[in-house]
Amino acid sequence: MPKLKPGTLLPTDEEDAAITAAALSDPDALPLSDEQWKAMPVMRIGRPKARATKQPVKLRLDPDVLAALREAGDGWQTRINDMLRASLRLAGRL
């Protein structure tokens, strides 16, 4: 069982039995059969995989340049990538 957050309330055995009985009595909420579970598509949780993953690098920038990029909000690293790409295209290197 995963670690629970402080203050999490768990039902008693009697409450759990009542909840289970109520769920089983609902015709719209019948449990799935083993065959139905096996037919379920496997879903990946989280961010989708990119076609080409980016490589982490350490980059040293002047404080004023970094501050200006960060002031524009989240996504500043992506904007750096876009600026470098645009610069390389202008120079005919991409």
PDB file of N, CA and C in Angstrom:
ATOM      1  N   MET A   1       0.844  -1.170   0.000  1.00  0.00           N
ATOM      2  CA  MET A   1       0.000   0.000   0.000  1.00  0.00           C
ATOM      3  C   MET A   1       0.892   1.236   0.000  1.00  0.00           C
ATOM      4  N   PRO A   2       0.564   2.244  -0.839  1.00  0.00           N
ATOM      5  CA  PRO A   2       1.405   3.440  -0.879  1.00  0.00           C
ATOM      6  C   PRO A   2       1.331   4.229   0.422  1.00  0.00           C
ATOM      7  N   LYS A   3       2.336   5.033   0.637  1.00  0.00           N
ATOM      8  CA  LYS A   3       2.368   5.873   1.831  1.00  0.00           C
ATOM      9  C   LYS A   3       1.263   6.920   1.720  1.00  0.00           C
ATOM     10  N   LEU A   4       0.486   7.071   2.767  1.00  0.00           N
ATOM     11  CA  LEU A   4      -0.638   7.996   2.760  1.00  0.00           C
ATOM     12  C   LEU A   4      -0.236   9.333   3.354  1.00  0.00           C
ATOM     13  N   LYS A   5      -0.918  10.378   2.913  1.00  0.00           N
ATOM     14  CA  LYS A   5      -0.671  11.710   3.450  1.00  0.00           C
ATOM     15  C   LYS A   5      -1.182  11.775   4.885  1.00  0.00           C
ATOM     16  N   PRO A   6      -0.550  12.600   5.698  1.00  0.00           N
ATOM     17  CA  PRO A   6      -1.033  12.763   7.074  1.00  0.00           C
ATOM     18  C   PRO A   6      -2.484  13.248   7.064  1.00  0.00           C
ATOM     19  N   GLY A   7      -3.288  12.709   7.967  1.00  0.00           N
ATOM     20  CA  GLY A   7      -4.679  13.114   8.069  1.00  0.00           C
ATOM     21  C   GLY A   7      -5.620  12.331   7.178  1.00  0.00           C
ATOM     22  N   THR A   8      -5.102  11.355   6.406  1.00  0.00           N
ATOM     23  CA  THR A   8      -5.963  10.554   5.545  1.00  0.00           C
ATOM     24  C   THR A   8      -6.841   9.653   6.411  1.00  0.00           C
ATOM     25  N   LEU A   9      -8.138   9.668   6.140  1.00  0.00           N
ATOM     26  CA  LEU A   9      -9.080   8.841   6.900  1.00  0.00           C
ATOM     27  C   LEU A   9      -9.427   7.608   6.072  1.00  0.00           C
ATOM     28  N   LEU A  10      -9.277   6.441   6.660  1.00  0.00           N
ATOM     29  CA  LEU A  10      -9.615   5.193   5.997  1.00  0.00           C
ATOM     30  C   LEU A  10     -10.934   4.672   6.552  1.00  0.00           C
ATOM     31  N   PRO A  11     -11.766   4.056   5.696  1.00  0.00           N
ATOM     32  CA  PRO A  11     -13.027   3.509   6.206  1.00  0.00           C
ATOM     33  C   PRO A  11     -12.770   2.303   7.102  1.00  0.00           C
ATOM     34  N   THR A  12     -13.689   2.089   8.043  1.00  0.00           N
ATOM     35  CA  THR A  12     -13.608   0.886   8.872  1.00  0.00           C
ATOM     36  C   THR A  12     -13.990  -0.309   8.008  1.00  0.00           C
ATOM     37  N   ASP A  13     -13.764  -1.514   8.529  1.00  0.00           N
ATOM     38  CA  ASP A  13     -14.135  -2.710   7.768  1.00  0.00           C
ATOM     39  C   ASP A  13     -15.632  -2.722   7.465  1.00  0.00           C
ATOM     40  N   GLU A  14     -16.444  -2.267   8.415  1.00  0.00           N
ATOM     41  CA  GLU A  14     -17.898  -2.238   8.205  1.00  0.00           C
ATOM     42  C   GLU A  14     -18.264  -1.214   7.125  1.00  0.00           C
ATOM     43  N   GLU A  15     -17.651  -0.032   7.179  1.00  0.00           N
ATOM     44  CA  GLU A  15     -17.914   0.989   6.168  1.00  0.00           C
ATOM     45  C   GLU A  15     -17.466   0.510   4.793  1.00  0.00           C
ATOM     46  N   ASP A  16     -16.318  -0.144   4.740  1.00  0.00           N
ATOM     47  CA  ASP A  16     -15.814  -0.659   3.470  1.00  0.00           C
ATOM     48  C   ASP A  16     -16.762  -1.707   2.897  1.00  0.00           C
ATOM     49  N   ALA A  17     -17.272  -2.579   3.734  1.00  0.00           N
ATOM     50  CA  ALA A  17     -18.224  -3.598   3.282  1.00  0.00           C
ATOM     51  C   ALA A  17     -19.504  -2.947   2.762  1.00  0.00           C
ATOM     52  N   ALA A  18     -19.990  -1.892   3.442  1.00  0.00           N
ATOM     53  CA  ALA A  18     -21.199  -1.194   3.003  1.00  0.00           C
ATOM     54  C   ALA A  18     -20.962  -0.494   1.657  1.00  0.00           C
ATOM     55  N   ILE A  19     -19.805   0.110   1.496  1.00  0.00           N
ATOM     56  CA  ILE A  19     -19.467   0.784   0.231  1.00  0.00           C
ATOM     57  C   ILE A  19     -19.409  -0.238  -0.900  1.00  0.00           C
ATOM     58  N   THR A  20     -18.750  -1.368  -0.654  1.00  0.00           N
ATOM     59  CA  THR A  20     -18.629  -2.411  -1.669  1.00  0.00           C
ATOM     60  C   THR A  20     -19.997  -2.968  -2.031  1.00  0.00           C
ATOM     61  N   ALA A  21     -20.840  -3.230  -1.035  1.00  0.00           N
ATOM     62  CA  ALA A  21     -22.181  -3.761  -1.299  1.00  0.00           C
ATOM     63  C   ALA A  21     -22.998  -2.781  -2.125  1.00  0.00           C
ATOM     64  N   ALA A  22     -22.909  -1.494  -1.807  1.00  0.00           N
ATOM     65  CA  ALA A  22     -23.646  -0.484  -2.566  1.00  0.00           C
ATOM     66  C   ALA A  22     -23.154  -0.416  -4.006  1.00  0.00           C
ATOM     67  N   ALA A  23     -21.857  -0.507  -4.199  1.00  0.00           N
ATOM     68  CA  ALA A  23     -21.309  -0.463  -5.561  1.00  0.00           C
ATOM     69  C   ALA A  23     -21.731  -1.686  -6.359  1.00  0.00           C
ATOM     70  N   LEU A  24     -21.722  -2.863  -5.733  1.00  0.00           N
ATOM     71  CA  LEU A  24     -22.108  -4.089  -6.438  1.00  0.00           C
ATOM     72  C   LEU A  24     -23.597  -4.126  -6.757  1.00  0.00           C
ATOM     73  N   SER A  25     -24.417  -3.408  -5.981  1.00  0.00           N
ATOM     74  CA  SER A  25     -25.865  -3.405  -6.238  1.00  0.00           C
ATOM     75  C   SER A  25     -26.242  -2.444  -7.362  1.00  0.00           C
ATOM     76  N   ASP A  26     -25.324  -1.601  -7.799  1.00  0.00           N
ATOM     77  CA  ASP A  26     -25.604  -0.644  -8.876  1.00  0.00           C
ATOM     78  C   ASP A  26     -25.397  -1.340 -10.217  1.00  0.00           C
ATOM     79  N   PRO A  27     -26.475  -1.494 -11.023  1.00  0.00           N
ATOM     80  CA  PRO A  27     -26.327  -2.203 -12.298  1.00  0.00           C
ATOM     81  C   PRO A  27     -25.444  -1.455 -13.303  1.00  0.00           C
ATOM     82  N   ASP A  28     -25.271  -0.156 -13.111  1.00  0.00           N
ATOM     83  CA  ASP A  28     -24.415   0.611 -14.022  1.00  0.00           C
ATOM     84  C   ASP A  28     -22.943   0.565 -13.625  1.00  0.00           C
ATOM     85  N   ALA A  29     -22.641  -0.047 -12.505  1.00  0.00           N
ATOM     86  CA  ALA A  29     -21.264  -0.059 -12.014  1.00  0.00           C
ATOM     87  C   ALA A  29     -20.813  -1.479 -11.696  1.00  0.00           C
ATOM     88  N   LEU A  30     -21.170  -2.422 -12.564  1.00  0.00           N
ATOM     89  CA  LEU A  30     -20.758  -3.811 -12.332  1.00  0.00           C
ATOM     90  C   LEU A  30     -19.261  -3.954 -12.568  1.00  0.00           C
ATOM     91  N   PRO A  31     -18.605  -4.800 -11.779  1.00  0.00           N
ATOM     92  CA  PRO A  31     -17.158  -4.980 -11.974  1.00  0.00           C
ATOM     93  C   PRO A  31     -16.874  -5.635 -13.331  1.00  0.00           C
ATOM     94  N   LEU A  32     -15.695  -5.337 -13.855  1.00  0.00           N
ATOM     95  CA  LEU A  32     -15.297  -5.912 -15.140  1.00  0.00           C
ATOM     96  C   LEU A  32     -14.830  -7.346 -14.944  1.00  0.00           C
ATOM     97  N   SER A  33     -15.065  -8.145 -15.986  1.00  0.00           N
ATOM     98  CA  SER A  33     -14.585  -9.537 -15.956  1.00  0.00           C
ATOM     99  C   SER A  33     -13.093  -9.546 -16.281  1.00  0.00           C
ATOM    100  N   ASP A  34     -12.453 -10.687 -16.057  1.00  0.00           N
ATOM    101  CA  ASP A  34     -11.030 -10.821 -16.375  1.00  0.00           C
ATOM    102  C   ASP A  34     -10.785 -10.584 -17.864  1.00  0.00           C
ATOM    103  N   GLU A  35     -11.703 -11.066 -18.704  1.00  0.00           N
ATOM    104  CA  GLU A  35     -11.556 -10.885 -20.152  1.00  0.00           C
ATOM    105  C   GLU A  35     -11.641  -9.397 -20.519  1.00  0.00           C
ATOM    106  N   GLN A  36     -12.557  -8.671 -19.857  1.00  0.00           N
ATOM    107  CA  GLN A  36     -12.682  -7.248 -20.128  1.00  0.00           C
ATOM    108  C   GLN A  36     -11.429  -6.487 -19.693  1.00  0.00           C
ATOM    109  N   TRP A  37     -10.858  -6.874 -18.557  1.00  0.00           N
ATOM    110  CA  TRP A  37      -9.623  -6.226 -18.105  1.00  0.00           C
ATOM    111  C   TRP A  37      -8.490  -6.474 -19.084  1.00  0.00           C
ATOM    112  N   LYS A  38      -8.416  -7.701 -19.608  1.00  0.00           N
ATOM    113  CA  LYS A  38      -7.334  -8.036 -20.557  1.00  0.00           C
ATOM    114  C   LYS A  38      -7.498  -7.278 -21.868  1.00  0.00           C
ATOM    115  N   ALA A  39      -8.748  -6.943 -22.240  1.00  0.00           N
ATOM    116  CA  ALA A  39      -9.006  -6.230 -23.487  1.00  0.00           C
ATOM    117  C   ALA A  39      -8.768  -4.724 -23.370  1.00  0.00           C
ATOM    118  N   MET A  40      -8.564  -4.238 -22.149  1.00  0.00           N
ATOM    119  CA  MET A  40      -8.353  -2.803 -21.941  1.00  0.00           C
ATOM    120  C   MET A  40      -7.030  -2.370 -22.562  1.00  0.00           C
ATOM    121  N   PRO A  41      -7.046  -1.228 -23.262  1.00  0.00           N
ATOM    122  CA  PRO A  41      -5.775  -0.732 -23.800  1.00  0.00           C
ATOM    123  C   PRO A  41      -4.884  -0.233 -22.666  1.00  0.00           C
ATOM    124  N   VAL A  42      -3.599  -0.391 -22.842  1.00  0.00           N
ATOM    125  CA  VAL A  42      -2.640   0.074 -21.845  1.00  0.00           C
ATOM    126  C   VAL A  42      -2.423   1.559 -22.071  1.00  0.00           C
ATOM    127  N   MET A  43      -2.637   2.337 -21.033  1.00  0.00           N
ATOM    128  CA  MET A  43      -2.492   3.787 -21.124  1.00  0.00           C
ATOM    129  C   MET A  43      -1.205   4.198 -20.426  1.00  0.00           C
ATOM    130  N   ARG A  44      -0.448   5.048 -21.080  1.00  0.00           N
ATOM    131  CA  ARG A  44       0.762   5.586 -20.474  1.00  0.00           C
ATOM    132  C   ARG A  44       0.386   6.845 -19.719  1.00  0.00           C
ATOM    133  N   ILE A  45       0.827   6.951 -18.488  1.00  0.00           N
ATOM    134  CA  ILE A  45       0.529   8.112 -17.666  1.00  0.00           C
ATOM    135  C   ILE A  45       1.693   9.092 -17.778  1.00  0.00           C
ATOM    136  N   GLY A  46       1.364  10.357 -17.894  1.00  0.00           N
ATOM    137  CA  GLY A  46       2.390  11.384 -17.933  1.00  0.00           C
ATOM    138  C   GLY A  46       2.511  12.024 -19.296  1.00  0.00           C
ATOM    139  N   ARG A  47       3.571  12.756 -19.465  1.00  0.00           N
ATOM    140  CA  ARG A  47       3.806  13.494 -20.698  1.00  0.00           C
ATOM    141  C   ARG A  47       4.114  12.523 -21.837  1.00  0.00           C
ATOM    142  N   PRO A  48       3.550  12.768 -23.030  1.00  0.00           N
ATOM    143  CA  PRO A  48       3.853  11.882 -24.157  1.00  0.00           C
ATOM    144  C   PRO A  48       5.323  11.972 -24.548  1.00  0.00           C
ATOM    145  N   LYS A  49       5.845  10.877 -25.040  1.00  0.00           N
ATOM    146  CA  LYS A  49       7.234  10.852 -25.481  1.00  0.00           C
ATOM    147  C   LYS A  49       7.405  11.718 -26.721  1.00  0.00           C
ATOM    148  N   ALA A  50       8.446  12.505 -26.741  1.00  0.00           N
ATOM    149  CA  ALA A  50       8.751  13.340 -27.896  1.00  0.00           C
ATOM    150  C   ALA A  50       9.422  12.485 -28.973  1.00  0.00           C
ATOM    151  N   ARG A  51       9.268  12.924 -30.235  1.00  0.00           N
ATOM    152  CA  ARG A  51       9.928  12.194 -31.322  1.00  0.00           C
ATOM    153  C   ARG A  51      11.443  12.230 -31.130  1.00  0.00           C
ATOM    154  N   ALA A  52      11.959  13.388 -30.787  1.00  0.00           N
ATOM    155  CA  ALA A  52      13.389  13.526 -30.513  1.00  0.00           C
ATOM    156  C   ALA A  52      13.521  14.174 -29.133  1.00  0.00           C
ATOM    157  N   THR A  53      14.138  13.454 -28.218  1.00  0.00           N
ATOM    158  CA  THR A  53      14.279  13.995 -26.869  1.00  0.00           C
ATOM    159  C   THR A  53      15.417  15.018 -26.848  1.00  0.00           C
ATOM    160  N   LYS A  54      15.245  16.020 -26.011  1.00  0.00           N
ATOM    161  CA  LYS A  54      16.258  17.061 -25.898  1.00  0.00           C
ATOM    162  C   LYS A  54      17.370  16.584 -24.973  1.00  0.00           C
ATOM    163  N   GLN A  55      18.558  17.144 -25.186  1.00  0.00           N
ATOM    164  CA  GLN A  55      19.707  16.764 -24.376  1.00  0.00           C
ATOM    165  C   GLN A  55      19.968  17.840 -23.330  1.00  0.00           C
ATOM    166  N   PRO A  56      20.145  17.439 -22.068  1.00  0.00           N
ATOM    167  CA  PRO A  56      20.448  18.435 -21.042  1.00  0.00           C
ATOM    168  C   PRO A  56      21.882  18.938 -21.196  1.00  0.00           C
ATOM    169  N   VAL A  57      22.040  20.247 -21.056  1.00  0.00           N
ATOM    170  CA  VAL A  57      23.370  20.859 -21.113  1.00  0.00           C
ATOM    171  C   VAL A  57      23.476  21.887 -19.995  1.00  0.00           C
ATOM    172  N   LYS A  58      24.686  22.200 -19.622  1.00  0.00           N
ATOM    173  CA  LYS A  58      24.903  23.282 -18.669  1.00  0.00           C
ATOM    174  C   LYS A  58      25.319  24.493 -19.494  1.00  0.00           C
ATOM    175  N   LEU A  59      24.606  25.585 -19.300  1.00  0.00           N
ATOM    176  CA  LEU A  59      24.826  26.785 -20.088  1.00  0.00           C
ATOM    177  C   LEU A  59      25.038  27.954 -19.142  1.00  0.00           C
ATOM    178  N   ARG A  60      26.087  28.713 -19.366  1.00  0.00           N
ATOM    179  CA  ARG A  60      26.368  29.866 -18.504  1.00  0.00           C
ATOM    180  C   ARG A  60      25.941  31.121 -19.255  1.00  0.00           C
ATOM    181  N   LEU A  61      25.040  31.897 -18.619  1.00  0.00           N
ATOM    182  CA  LEU A  61      24.519  33.122 -19.216  1.00  0.00           C
ATOM    183  C   LEU A  61      24.794  34.297 -18.293  1.00  0.00           C
ATOM    184  N   ASP A  62      24.880  35.475 -18.880  1.00  0.00           N
ATOM    185  CA  ASP A  62      25.020  36.684 -18.077  1.00  0.00           C
ATOM    186  C   ASP A  62      23.753  36.859 -17.244  1.00  0.00           C
ATOM    187  N   PRO A  63      23.890  37.377 -16.015  1.00  0.00           N
ATOM    188  CA  PRO A  63      22.729  37.517 -15.129  1.00  0.00           C
ATOM    189  C   PRO A  63      21.598  38.350 -15.726  1.00  0.00           C
ATOM    190  N   ASP A  64      21.925  39.429 -16.441  1.00  0.00           N
ATOM    191  CA  ASP A  64      20.874  40.272 -17.010  1.00  0.00           C
ATOM    192  C   ASP A  64      20.116  39.556 -18.129  1.00  0.00           C
ATOM    193  N   VAL A  65      20.828  38.756 -18.912  1.00  0.00           N
ATOM    194  CA  VAL A  65      20.184  37.985 -19.982  1.00  0.00           C
ATOM    195  C   VAL A  65      19.252  36.944 -19.370  1.00  0.00           C
ATOM    196  N   LEU A  66      19.729  36.231 -18.382  1.00  0.00           N
ATOM    197  CA  LEU A  66      18.917  35.209 -17.730  1.00  0.00           C
ATOM    198  C   LEU A  66      17.697  35.832 -17.063  1.00  0.00           C
ATOM    199  N   ALA A  67      17.879  36.964 -16.396  1.00  0.00           N
ATOM    200  CA  ALA A  67      16.758  37.632 -15.726  1.00  0.00           C
ATOM    201  C   ALA A  67      15.701  38.048 -16.741  1.00  0.00           C
ATOM    202  N   ALA A  68      16.121  38.580 -17.881  1.00  0.00           N
ATOM    203  CA  ALA A  68      15.166  39.003 -18.912  1.00  0.00           C
ATOM    204  C   ALA A  68      14.385  37.810 -19.458  1.00  0.00           C
ATOM    205  N   LEU A  69      15.057  36.686 -19.645  1.00  0.00           N
ATOM    206  CA  LEU A  69      14.373  35.490 -20.154  1.00  0.00           C
ATOM    207  C   LEU A  69      13.378  34.952 -19.125  1.00  0.00           C
ATOM    208  N   ARG A  70      13.784  34.911 -17.868  1.00  0.00           N
ATOM    209  CA  ARG A  70      12.908  34.378 -16.822  1.00  0.00           C
ATOM    210  C   ARG A  70      11.722  35.301 -16.533  1.00  0.00           C
ATOM    211  N   GLU A  71      11.909  36.610 -16.724  1.00  0.00           N
ATOM    212  CA  GLU A  71      10.817  37.552 -16.475  1.00  0.00           C
ATOM    213  C   GLU A  71       9.620  37.293 -17.376  1.00  0.00           C
ATOM    214  N   ALA A  72       9.863  36.712 -18.529  1.00  0.00           N
ATOM    215  CA  ALA A  72       8.774  36.433 -19.471  1.00  0.00           C
ATOM    216  C   ALA A  72       7.915  35.259 -19.004  1.00  0.00           C
ATOM    217  N   GLY A  73       8.315  34.575 -17.947  1.00  0.00           N
ATOM    218  CA  GLY A  73       7.498  33.508 -17.375  1.00  0.00           C
ATOM    219  C   GLY A  73       7.984  32.118 -17.732  1.00  0.00           C
ATOM    220  N   ASP A  74       7.121  31.149 -17.407  1.00  0.00           N
ATOM    221  CA  ASP A  74       7.451  29.748 -17.673  1.00  0.00           C
ATOM    222  C   ASP A  74       7.724  29.542 -19.160  1.00  0.00           C
ATOM    223  N   GLY A  75       8.572  28.571 -19.440  1.00  0.00           N
ATOM    224  CA  GLY A  75       8.922  28.255 -20.822  1.00  0.00           C
ATOM    225  C   GLY A  75      10.154  28.987 -21.309  1.00  0.00           C
ATOM    226  N   TRP A  76      10.879  29.619 -20.396  1.00  0.00           N
ATOM    227  CA  TRP A  76      12.042  30.397 -20.820  1.00  0.00           C
ATOM    228  C   TRP A  76      13.112  29.528 -21.454  1.00  0.00           C
ATOM    229  N   GLN A  77      13.255  28.283 -21.003  1.00  0.00           N
ATOM    230  CA  GLN A  77      14.260  27.402 -21.601  1.00  0.00           C
ATOM    231  C   GLN A  77      13.867  27.037 -23.027  1.00  0.00           C
ATOM    232  N   THR A  78      12.572  26.837 -23.260  1.00  0.00           N
ATOM    233  CA  THR A  78      12.096  26.546 -24.614  1.00  0.00           C
ATOM    234  C   THR A  78      12.321  27.764 -25.507  1.00  0.00           C
ATOM    235  N   ARG A  79      12.105  28.955 -24.948  1.00  0.00           N
ATOM    236  CA  ARG A  79      12.339  30.164 -25.736  1.00  0.00           C
ATOM    237  C   ARG A  79      13.815  30.322 -26.093  1.00  0.00           C
ATOM    238  N   ILE A  80      14.712  29.950 -25.184  1.00  0.00           N
ATOM    239  CA  ILE A  80      16.153  29.987 -25.508  1.00  0.00           C
ATOM    240  C   ILE A  80      16.417  29.063 -26.687  1.00  0.00           C
ATOM    241  N   ASN A  81      15.858  27.863 -26.645  1.00  0.00           N
ATOM    242  CA  ASN A  81      16.038  26.899 -27.726  1.00  0.00           C
ATOM    243  C   ASN A  81      15.522  27.485 -29.046  1.00  0.00           C
ATOM    244  N   ASP A  82      14.328  28.115 -28.995  1.00  0.00           N
ATOM    245  CA  ASP A  82      13.746  28.698 -30.208  1.00  0.00           C
ATOM    246  C   ASP A  82      14.608  29.836 -30.753  1.00  0.00           C
ATOM    247  N   MET A  83      15.163  30.669 -29.850  1.00  0.00           N
ATOM    248  CA  MET A  83      16.023  31.771 -30.282  1.00  0.00           C
ATOM    249  C   MET A  83      17.309  31.256 -30.932  1.00  0.00           C
ATOM    250  N   LEU A  84      17.886  30.238 -30.332  1.00  0.00           N
ATOM    251  CA  LEU A  84      19.114  29.662 -30.908  1.00  0.00           C
ATOM    252  C   LEU A  84      18.830  29.039 -32.271  1.00  0.00           C
ATOM    253  N   ARG A  85      17.700  28.350 -32.384  1.00  0.00           N
ATOM    254  CA  ARG A  85      17.316  27.738 -33.663  1.00  0.00           C
ATOM    255  C   ARG A  85      17.133  28.818 -34.732  1.00  0.00           C
ATOM    256  N   ALA A  86      16.418  29.917 -34.386  1.00  0.00           N
ATOM    257  CA  ALA A  86      16.194  31.005 -35.343  1.00  0.00           C
ATOM    258  C   ALA A  86      17.520  31.629 -35.766  1.00  0.00           C
ATOM    259  N   SER A  87      18.431  31.835 -34.812  1.00  0.00           N
ATOM    260  CA  SER A  87      19.728  32.406 -35.121  1.00  0.00           C
ATOM    261  C   SER A  87      20.531  31.513 -36.068  1.00  0.00           C
ATOM    262  N   LEU A  88      20.505  30.216 -35.810  1.00  0.00           N
ATOM    263  CA  LEU A  88      21.222  29.271 -36.682  1.00  0.00           C
ATOM    264  C   LEU A  88      20.623  29.217 -38.079  1.00  0.00           C
ATOM    265  N   ARG A  89      19.297  29.339 -38.166  1.00  0.00           N
ATOM    266  CA  ARG A  89      18.638  29.346 -39.491  1.00  0.00           C
ATOM    267  C   ARG A  89      19.052  30.605 -40.265  1.00  0.00           C
ATOM    268  N   LEU A  90      19.076  31.754 -39.573  1.00  0.00           N
ATOM    269  CA  LEU A  90      19.481  32.994 -40.239  1.00  0.00           C
ATOM    270  C   LEU A  90      20.912  32.888 -40.738  1.00  0.00           C
ATOM    271  N   ALA A  91      21.756  32.201 -40.005  1.00  0.00           N
ATOM    272  CA  ALA A  91      23.154  32.040 -40.394  1.00  0.00           C
ATOM    273  C   ALA A  91      23.344  30.931 -41.418  1.00  0.00           C
ATOM    274  N   GLY A  92      22.253  30.248 -41.786  1.00  0.00           N
ATOM    275  CA  GLY A  92      22.344  29.172 -42.779  1.00  0.00           C
ATOM    276  C   GLY A  92      22.978  27.892 -42.250  1.00  0.00           C
ATOM    277  N   ARG A  93      22.937  27.713 -40.951  1.00  0.00           N
ATOM    278  CA  ARG A  93      23.576  26.530 -40.368  1.00  0.00           C
ATOM    279  C   ARG A  93      22.569  25.434 -40.052  1.00  0.00           C
ATOM    280  N   LEU A  94      21.278  25.742 -40.184  1.00  0.00           N
ATOM    281  CA  LEU A  94      20.224  24.731 -39.989  1.00  0.00           C
ATOM    282  C   LEU A  94      19.307  24.710 -41.173  1.00  0.00           C
TER     283      LEU A  94
END
